[in-house]
Amino acid sequence: MTQALSLTPVALPVSPQIAADAYARVDLGQPGAAGGGFGAALQQALAGVVDAGRAADTQARVAITEGGNLTEVVSAIARAELALQTTMAVRDRFVQAYQDIMRMPI
């Protein structure tokens, strides 16, 4: 019996609409307005990455100890890996932006 591998989409803790609203608030000079600001959004996104990693660990532990579904383990690990890669890409962009700002003439 062959099982189809179905990967569920990764739920991003920050939606595009929330990001657009944050940019609009910053553009209007309201960085802390109604939503916690950029720091809160970043903290929420990092918490989502940590949760994805913990979920992958839990799925692997269940599969080892109780003979769980291998497809669920692979899916959880793929979600955690994607979340970590996204976080690293965002970090790299922040570092690049900081370096660009530091190179600007005063």
N, C-alpha and C. Protein backbone atom coordinates (compact mmCIF):
# COMPACT_ATOMS: atom_id res chain seq x y z
N MET A 1 0.84 -1.17 0.00
CA MET A 1 0.00 0.00 0.00
C MET A 1 0.89 1.24 0.00
N THR A 2 0.69 2.11 -0.95
CA THR A 2 1.50 3.31 -1.09
C THR A 2 0.75 4.51 -0.53
N GLN A 3 1.46 5.26 0.32
CA GLN A 3 0.86 6.45 0.88
C GLN A 3 1.37 7.67 0.14
N ALA A 4 0.48 8.59 -0.17
CA ALA A 4 0.89 9.82 -0.84
C ALA A 4 1.48 10.77 0.19
N LEU A 5 2.58 11.38 -0.17
CA LEU A 5 3.24 12.34 0.70
C LEU A 5 2.59 13.69 0.50
N SER A 6 1.95 14.20 1.56
CA SER A 6 1.32 15.51 1.45
C SER A 6 1.95 16.43 2.48
N LEU A 7 2.61 17.46 1.99
CA LEU A 7 3.21 18.45 2.88
C LEU A 7 2.23 19.59 3.06
N THR A 8 1.92 19.87 4.30
CA THR A 8 1.04 20.99 4.56
C THR A 8 1.84 22.28 4.50
N PRO A 9 1.22 23.37 4.06
CA PRO A 9 1.95 24.63 3.98
C PRO A 9 2.36 25.10 5.37
N VAL A 10 3.49 25.78 5.41
CA VAL A 10 4.00 26.31 6.67
C VAL A 10 3.20 27.55 7.03
N ALA A 11 2.69 27.59 8.26
CA ALA A 11 1.95 28.75 8.72
C ALA A 11 2.94 29.79 9.22
N LEU A 12 3.00 30.92 8.54
CA LEU A 12 3.90 31.99 8.96
C LEU A 12 3.25 32.75 10.11
N PRO A 13 4.03 33.00 11.16
CA PRO A 13 3.45 33.70 12.29
C PRO A 13 3.11 35.16 11.98
N VAL A 14 3.67 35.71 10.93
CA VAL A 14 3.39 37.08 10.53
C VAL A 14 2.85 37.05 9.11
N SER A 15 1.63 37.52 8.94
CA SER A 15 1.03 37.50 7.61
C SER A 15 1.52 38.69 6.79
N PRO A 16 1.40 38.62 5.48
CA PRO A 16 1.79 39.76 4.65
C PRO A 16 1.02 41.04 5.00
N GLN A 17 -0.25 40.89 5.39
CA GLN A 17 -1.04 42.06 5.75
C GLN A 17 -0.50 42.73 7.01
N ILE A 18 -0.09 41.92 7.99
CA ILE A 18 0.49 42.47 9.21
C ILE A 18 1.78 43.21 8.88
N ALA A 19 2.60 42.64 8.01
CA ALA A 19 3.85 43.29 7.62
C ALA A 19 3.57 44.60 6.89
N ALA A 20 2.60 44.60 5.99
CA ALA A 20 2.26 45.82 5.26
C ALA A 20 1.74 46.89 6.21
N ASP A 21 0.92 46.50 7.17
CA ASP A 21 0.43 47.45 8.17
C ASP A 21 1.56 48.03 9.00
N ALA A 22 2.53 47.19 9.36
CA ALA A 22 3.69 47.67 10.13
C ALA A 22 4.49 48.68 9.33
N TYR A 23 4.70 48.40 8.05
CA TYR A 23 5.42 49.35 7.20
C TYR A 23 4.66 50.68 7.09
N ALA A 24 3.35 50.58 6.98
CA ALA A 24 2.54 51.80 6.88
C ALA A 24 2.63 52.62 8.16
N ARG A 25 2.61 51.96 9.31
CA ARG A 25 2.71 52.68 10.58
C ARG A 25 4.07 53.36 10.71
N VAL A 26 5.13 52.67 10.30
CA VAL A 26 6.46 53.27 10.37
C VAL A 26 6.54 54.45 9.41
N ASP A 27 5.95 54.32 8.24
CA ASP A 27 5.95 55.40 7.26
C ASP A 27 5.22 56.62 7.79
N LEU A 28 4.20 56.39 8.61
CA LEU A 28 3.44 57.49 9.19
C LEU A 28 4.08 58.02 10.47
N GLY A 29 5.19 57.41 10.88
CA GLY A 29 5.85 57.86 12.09
C GLY A 29 5.25 57.27 13.35
N GLN A 30 4.60 56.13 13.24
CA GLN A 30 3.95 55.49 14.39
C GLN A 30 4.52 54.09 14.60
N PRO A 31 5.79 53.94 14.93
CA PRO A 31 6.39 52.61 15.02
C PRO A 31 5.78 51.73 16.09
N GLY A 32 5.25 52.28 17.17
CA GLY A 32 4.72 51.44 18.24
C GLY A 32 3.22 51.35 18.23
N ALA A 33 2.56 51.81 17.19
CA ALA A 33 1.10 51.89 17.19
C ALA A 33 0.46 50.53 16.99
N ALA A 34 -0.56 50.27 17.76
CA ALA A 34 -1.52 49.16 17.64
C ALA A 34 -1.02 47.90 16.98
N GLY A 35 -0.15 47.21 17.59
CA GLY A 35 0.32 45.95 17.05
C GLY A 35 1.65 45.57 17.65
N GLY A 36 2.21 46.40 18.48
CA GLY A 36 3.44 46.07 19.16
C GLY A 36 4.69 46.49 18.42
N GLY A 37 4.57 46.94 17.19
CA GLY A 37 5.74 47.40 16.46
C GLY A 37 6.55 46.27 15.87
N PHE A 38 7.67 46.68 15.30
CA PHE A 38 8.53 45.72 14.60
C PHE A 38 9.16 44.71 15.55
N GLY A 39 9.57 45.17 16.73
CA GLY A 39 10.18 44.26 17.70
C GLY A 39 9.25 43.13 18.10
N ALA A 40 7.98 43.46 18.30
CA ALA A 40 7.00 42.43 18.67
C ALA A 40 6.78 41.45 17.53
N ALA A 41 6.74 41.97 16.30
CA ALA A 41 6.56 41.08 15.14
C ALA A 41 7.75 40.15 14.98
N LEU A 42 8.95 40.69 15.21
CA LEU A 42 10.16 39.87 15.12
C LEU A 42 10.18 38.82 16.22
N GLN A 43 9.80 39.22 17.41
CA GLN A 43 9.76 38.27 18.53
C GLN A 43 8.74 37.16 18.26
N GLN A 44 7.60 37.51 17.70
CA GLN A 44 6.57 36.53 17.37
C GLN A 44 7.07 35.57 16.29
N ALA A 45 7.77 36.09 15.30
CA ALA A 45 8.30 35.24 14.23
C ALA A 45 9.33 34.27 14.78
N LEU A 46 10.22 34.75 15.66
CA LEU A 46 11.23 33.86 16.25
C LEU A 46 10.59 32.80 17.13
N ALA A 47 9.53 33.17 17.84
CA ALA A 47 8.82 32.18 18.65
C ALA A 47 8.22 31.09 17.76
N GLY A 48 7.74 31.48 16.57
CA GLY A 48 7.21 30.50 15.63
C GLY A 48 8.27 29.54 15.14
N VAL A 49 9.48 30.02 14.94
CA VAL A 49 10.59 29.17 14.51
C VAL A 49 10.93 28.17 15.61
N VAL A 50 10.99 28.65 16.84
CA VAL A 50 11.29 27.76 17.97
C VAL A 50 10.19 26.72 18.12
N ASP A 51 8.93 27.13 17.97
CA ASP A 51 7.82 26.18 18.07
C ASP A 51 7.88 25.11 16.98
N ALA A 52 8.27 25.51 15.77
CA ALA A 52 8.39 24.54 14.67
C ALA A 52 9.48 23.52 14.98
N GLY A 53 10.60 23.99 15.55
CA GLY A 53 11.67 23.07 15.94
C GLY A 53 11.24 22.11 17.02
N ARG A 54 10.52 22.62 18.00
CA ARG A 54 10.03 21.75 19.08
C ARG A 54 9.02 20.73 18.56
N ALA A 55 8.17 21.15 17.63
CA ALA A 55 7.20 20.23 17.05
C ALA A 55 7.91 19.11 16.29
N ALA A 56 8.97 19.45 15.57
CA ALA A 56 9.74 18.44 14.85
C ALA A 56 10.39 17.47 15.83
N ASP A 57 10.95 17.99 16.92
CA ASP A 57 11.55 17.12 17.94
C ASP A 57 10.51 16.19 18.54
N THR A 58 9.34 16.72 18.83
CA THR A 58 8.27 15.92 19.43
C THR A 58 7.84 14.81 18.47
N GLN A 59 7.66 15.16 17.19
CA GLN A 59 7.26 14.15 16.21
C GLN A 59 8.31 13.05 16.09
N ALA A 60 9.58 13.44 16.09
CA ALA A 60 10.65 12.43 15.99
C ALA A 60 10.67 11.54 17.22
N ARG A 61 10.50 12.13 18.40
CA ARG A 61 10.49 11.35 19.64
C ARG A 61 9.33 10.36 19.65
N VAL A 62 8.16 10.81 19.21
CA VAL A 62 6.99 9.94 19.16
C VAL A 62 7.22 8.80 18.17
N ALA A 63 7.83 9.11 17.03
CA ALA A 63 8.08 8.08 16.02
C ALA A 63 9.05 7.03 16.54
N ILE A 64 10.05 7.47 17.31
CA ILE A 64 11.04 6.53 17.83
C ILE A 64 10.46 5.66 18.94
N THR A 65 9.75 6.30 19.87
CA THR A 65 9.27 5.55 21.04
C THR A 65 7.98 4.79 20.79
N GLU A 66 7.08 5.36 20.00
CA GLU A 66 5.77 4.74 19.83
C GLU A 66 5.51 4.26 18.41
N GLY A 67 6.50 4.37 17.54
CA GLY A 67 6.31 3.91 16.16
C GLY A 67 5.34 4.79 15.39
N GLY A 68 5.51 6.10 15.48
CA GLY A 68 4.63 7.05 14.82
C GLY A 68 4.77 7.03 13.31
N ASN A 69 4.02 7.88 12.67
CA ASN A 69 3.98 7.97 11.22
C ASN A 69 5.22 8.70 10.70
N LEU A 70 5.98 8.06 9.84
CA LEU A 70 7.20 8.64 9.29
C LEU A 70 6.91 9.87 8.43
N THR A 71 5.78 9.88 7.76
CA THR A 71 5.41 11.02 6.92
C THR A 71 5.24 12.27 7.77
N GLU A 72 4.62 12.12 8.93
CA GLU A 72 4.43 13.27 9.82
C GLU A 72 5.77 13.78 10.34
N VAL A 73 6.69 12.87 10.62
CA VAL A 73 8.03 13.28 11.08
C VAL A 73 8.75 14.07 10.00
N VAL A 74 8.75 13.56 8.79
CA VAL A 74 9.43 14.24 7.69
C VAL A 74 8.79 15.61 7.43
N SER A 75 7.47 15.69 7.49
CA SER A 75 6.78 16.96 7.28
C SER A 75 7.15 17.97 8.36
N ALA A 76 7.18 17.53 9.61
CA ALA A 76 7.52 18.43 10.71
C ALA A 76 8.96 18.93 10.59
N ILE A 77 9.86 18.04 10.21
CA ILE A 77 11.26 18.44 10.04
C ILE A 77 11.40 19.41 8.87
N ALA A 78 10.67 19.16 7.79
CA ALA A 78 10.72 20.07 6.64
C ALA A 78 10.19 21.46 7.01
N ARG A 79 9.11 21.51 7.79
CA ARG A 79 8.58 22.81 8.24
C ARG A 79 9.59 23.54 9.11
N ALA A 80 10.23 22.81 10.02
CA ALA A 80 11.22 23.43 10.90
C ALA A 80 12.42 23.93 10.10
N GLU A 81 12.85 23.15 9.13
CA GLU A 81 13.98 23.55 8.30
C GLU A 81 13.65 24.80 7.48
N LEU A 82 12.46 24.85 6.91
CA LEU A 82 12.04 26.01 6.14
C LEU A 82 11.96 27.26 7.02
N ALA A 83 11.43 27.11 8.22
CA ALA A 83 11.35 28.24 9.14
C ALA A 83 12.74 28.74 9.52
N LEU A 84 13.67 27.82 9.75
CA LEU A 84 15.03 28.22 10.10
C LEU A 84 15.73 28.90 8.92
N GLN A 85 15.54 28.37 7.72
CA GLN A 85 16.15 28.99 6.54
C GLN A 85 15.59 30.39 6.31
N THR A 86 14.29 30.57 6.52
CA THR A 86 13.68 31.89 6.38
C THR A 86 14.26 32.85 7.40
N THR A 87 14.41 32.40 8.64
CA THR A 87 14.98 33.24 9.69
C THR A 87 16.41 33.64 9.34
N MET A 88 17.19 32.71 8.83
CA MET A 88 18.57 33.03 8.47
C MET A 88 18.62 34.02 7.30
N ALA A 89 17.70 33.89 6.35
CA ALA A 89 17.66 34.83 5.23
C ALA A 89 17.31 36.24 5.70
N VAL A 90 16.36 36.33 6.63
CA VAL A 90 15.99 37.64 7.18
C VAL A 90 17.16 38.23 7.95
N ARG A 91 17.84 37.40 8.73
CA ARG A 91 19.01 37.87 9.48
C ARG A 91 20.08 38.40 8.53
N ASP A 92 20.34 37.67 7.46
CA ASP A 92 21.34 38.11 6.49
C ASP A 92 20.96 39.44 5.85
N ARG A 93 19.67 39.63 5.57
CA ARG A 93 19.22 40.90 4.99
C ARG A 93 19.39 42.05 5.98
N PHE A 94 19.14 41.79 7.27
CA PHE A 94 19.35 42.83 8.28
C PHE A 94 20.82 43.21 8.38
N VAL A 95 21.68 42.23 8.38
CA VAL A 95 23.12 42.50 8.45
C VAL A 95 23.55 43.29 7.21
N GLN A 96 23.07 42.91 6.05
CA GLN A 96 23.42 43.62 4.82
C GLN A 96 22.91 45.06 4.87
N ALA A 97 21.69 45.26 5.36
CA ALA A 97 21.14 46.61 5.46
C ALA A 97 21.95 47.45 6.43
N TYR A 98 22.35 46.86 7.56
CA TYR A 98 23.17 47.58 8.53
C TYR A 98 24.51 47.98 7.90
N GLN A 99 25.12 47.06 7.19
CA GLN A 99 26.40 47.37 6.54
C GLN A 99 26.25 48.46 5.48
N ASP A 100 25.14 48.44 4.74
CA ASP A 100 24.89 49.48 3.74
C ASP A 100 24.73 50.84 4.41
N ILE A 101 24.03 50.88 5.54
CA ILE A 101 23.86 52.12 6.27
C ILE A 101 25.20 52.63 6.79
N MET A 102 26.01 51.74 7.29
CA MET A 102 27.31 52.15 7.84
C MET A 102 28.25 52.68 6.75
N ARG A 103 28.07 52.26 5.51
CA ARG A 103 28.90 52.73 4.40
C ARG A 103 28.43 54.05 3.80
N MET A 104 27.25 54.50 4.22
CA MET A 104 26.72 55.76 3.67
C MET A 104 27.56 56.93 4.12
N PRO A 105 27.83 57.86 3.21
CA PRO A 105 28.56 59.07 3.64
C PRO A 105 27.67 59.95 4.51
N ILE A 106 28.29 60.60 5.45
CA ILE A 106 27.52 61.45 6.38
C ILE A 106 27.47 62.85 5.84
